[in-house]
């Protein structure tokens, strides 16, 4: 009788382990994938937009200023 109860506990443990593993894996995978993709997309686009805008503005301003100064000066 004691052995039968141990088997029941083992099988229950196995089934719970399998189902929790599957469901947590699926849900965490889906939610983390969705949220990380959304937030990384938003933040990377914002920061890349800001920094590329600043640096391209600075460098284009410098180089256009130099070249226009040279060409218009001559």
C-alpha atoms as a PDB file:
ATOM      1  CA  UNK A   1       0.000   0.000   0.000  1.00  0.00           C
ATOM      2  CA  UNK A   2       2.814   2.357   0.872  1.00  0.00           C
ATOM      3  CA  UNK A   3       4.485   1.600  -2.453  1.00  0.00           C
ATOM      4  CA  UNK A   4       1.269   2.370  -4.360  1.00  0.00           C
ATOM      5  CA  UNK A   5       1.032   5.776  -2.713  1.00  0.00           C
ATOM      6  CA  UNK A   6       4.632   6.454  -3.625  1.00  0.00           C
ATOM      7  CA  UNK A   7       3.864   5.579  -7.255  1.00  0.00           C
ATOM      8  CA  UNK A   8       0.900   7.948  -7.221  1.00  0.00           C
ATOM      9  CA  UNK A   9       3.071  10.732  -5.835  1.00  0.00           C
ATOM     10  CA  UNK A  10       5.748  10.062  -8.428  1.00  0.00           C
ATOM     11  CA  UNK A  11       3.263  10.083 -11.321  1.00  0.00           C
ATOM     12  CA  UNK A  12       1.553  13.201 -10.012  1.00  0.00           C
ATOM     13  CA  UNK A  13       4.934  14.849  -9.687  1.00  0.00           C
ATOM     14  CA  UNK A  14       5.875  13.845 -13.233  1.00  0.00           C
ATOM     15  CA  UNK A  15       2.600  15.063 -14.733  1.00  0.00           C
ATOM     16  CA  UNK A  16       2.677  18.347 -12.850  1.00  0.00           C
ATOM     17  CA  UNK A  17       6.272  18.823 -13.869  1.00  0.00           C
ATOM     18  CA  UNK A  18       5.499  18.182 -17.526  1.00  0.00           C
ATOM     19  CA  UNK A  19       2.392  20.368 -17.660  1.00  0.00           C
ATOM     20  CA  UNK A  20       3.893  23.240 -15.724  1.00  0.00           C
ATOM     21  CA  UNK A  21       7.007  23.040 -17.825  1.00  0.00           C
ATOM     22  CA  UNK A  22       5.033  23.117 -21.069  1.00  0.00           C
ATOM     23  CA  UNK A  23       2.615  25.873 -20.055  1.00  0.00           C
ATOM     24  CA  UNK A  24       5.183  28.091 -18.390  1.00  0.00           C
ATOM     25  CA  UNK A  25       7.505  27.617 -21.326  1.00  0.00           C
ATOM     26  CA  UNK A  26       4.810  28.532 -23.833  1.00  0.00           C
ATOM     27  CA  UNK A  27       3.403  31.501 -21.922  1.00  0.00           C
ATOM     28  CA  UNK A  28       6.717  32.942 -20.830  1.00  0.00           C
ATOM     29  CA  UNK A  29       8.064  32.509 -24.333  1.00  0.00           C
ATOM     30  CA  UNK A  30       5.073  34.249 -25.894  1.00  0.00           C
ATOM     31  CA  UNK A  31       4.835  37.089 -23.388  1.00  0.00           C
ATOM     32  CA  UNK A  32       8.543  37.750 -23.107  1.00  0.00           C
ATOM     33  CA  UNK A  33       8.851  37.634 -26.871  1.00  0.00           C
ATOM     34  CA  UNK A  34       5.990  40.076 -27.361  1.00  0.00           C
ATOM     35  CA  UNK A  35       6.963  42.504 -24.618  1.00  0.00           C
ATOM     36  CA  UNK A  36      10.680  42.438 -25.284  1.00  0.00           C
ATOM     37  CA  UNK A  37      10.144  42.927 -29.003  1.00  0.00           C
ATOM     38  CA  UNK A  38       7.740  45.812 -28.404  1.00  0.00           C
ATOM     39  CA  UNK A  39       9.865  47.592 -25.799  1.00  0.00           C
ATOM     40  CA  UNK A  40      13.177  47.001 -27.521  1.00  0.00           C
ATOM     41  CA  UNK A  41      11.655  48.184 -30.778  1.00  0.00           C
ATOM     42  CA  UNK A  42      10.266  51.336 -29.183  1.00  0.00           C
ATOM     43  CA  UNK A  43      13.356  52.216 -27.149  1.00  0.00           C
ATOM     44  CA  UNK A  44      15.869  51.368 -29.838  1.00  0.00           C
ATOM     45  CA  UNK A  45      13.943  53.359 -32.418  1.00  0.00           C
ATOM     46  CA  UNK A  46      13.651  56.336 -30.070  1.00  0.00           C
ATOM     47  CA  UNK A  47      17.299  56.333 -28.974  1.00  0.00           C
ATOM     48  CA  UNK A  48      18.696  55.544 -32.395  1.00  0.00           C
ATOM     49  CA  UNK A  49      16.503  58.261 -33.874  1.00  0.00           C
ATOM     50  CA  UNK A  50      17.683  60.795 -31.317  1.00  0.00           C
ATOM     51  CA  UNK A  51      21.375  59.913 -31.495  1.00  0.00           C
ATOM     52  CA  UNK A  52      21.494  59.489 -35.249  1.00  0.00           C
ATOM     53  CA  UNK A  53      19.639  62.775 -35.626  1.00  0.00           C
ATOM     54  CA  UNK A  54      22.080  64.570 -33.350  1.00  0.00           C
ATOM     55  CA  UNK A  55      25.256  63.074 -34.809  1.00  0.00           C
ATOM     56  CA  UNK A  56      24.154  63.289 -38.418  1.00  0.00           C
ATOM     57  CA  UNK A  57      23.065  66.869 -37.811  1.00  0.00           C
ATOM     58  CA  UNK A  58      26.413  67.770 -36.280  1.00  0.00           C
ATOM     59  CA  UNK A  59      28.577  66.027 -38.883  1.00  0.00           C
ATOM     60  CA  UNK A  60      26.512  67.087 -41.860  1.00  0.00           C
ATOM     61  CA  UNK A  61      26.501  70.641 -40.515  1.00  0.00           C
ATOM     62  CA  UNK A  62      30.275  70.633 -40.125  1.00  0.00           C
ATOM     63  CA  UNK A  63      31.028  69.068 -43.509  1.00  0.00           C
ATOM     64  CA  UNK A  64      28.451  71.081 -45.404  1.00  0.00           C
ATOM     65  CA  UNK A  65      29.746  74.222 -43.691  1.00  0.00           C
ATOM     66  CA  UNK A  66      33.319  73.414 -44.681  1.00  0.00           C
ATOM     67  CA  UNK A  67      32.512  72.492 -48.283  1.00  0.00           C
ATOM     68  CA  UNK A  68      30.103  75.347 -48.852  1.00  0.00           C
ATOM     69  CA  UNK A  69      32.629  77.717 -47.291  1.00  0.00           C
ATOM     70  CA  UNK A  70      35.340  76.438 -49.617  1.00  0.00           C
ATOM     71  CA  UNK A  71      33.185  76.490 -52.750  1.00  0.00           C
ATOM     72  CA  UNK A  72      31.471  79.787 -52.046  1.00  0.00           C
ATOM     73  CA  UNK A  73      34.695  81.346 -50.804  1.00  0.00           C
ATOM     74  CA  UNK A  74      36.453  80.445 -54.024  1.00  0.00           C
END
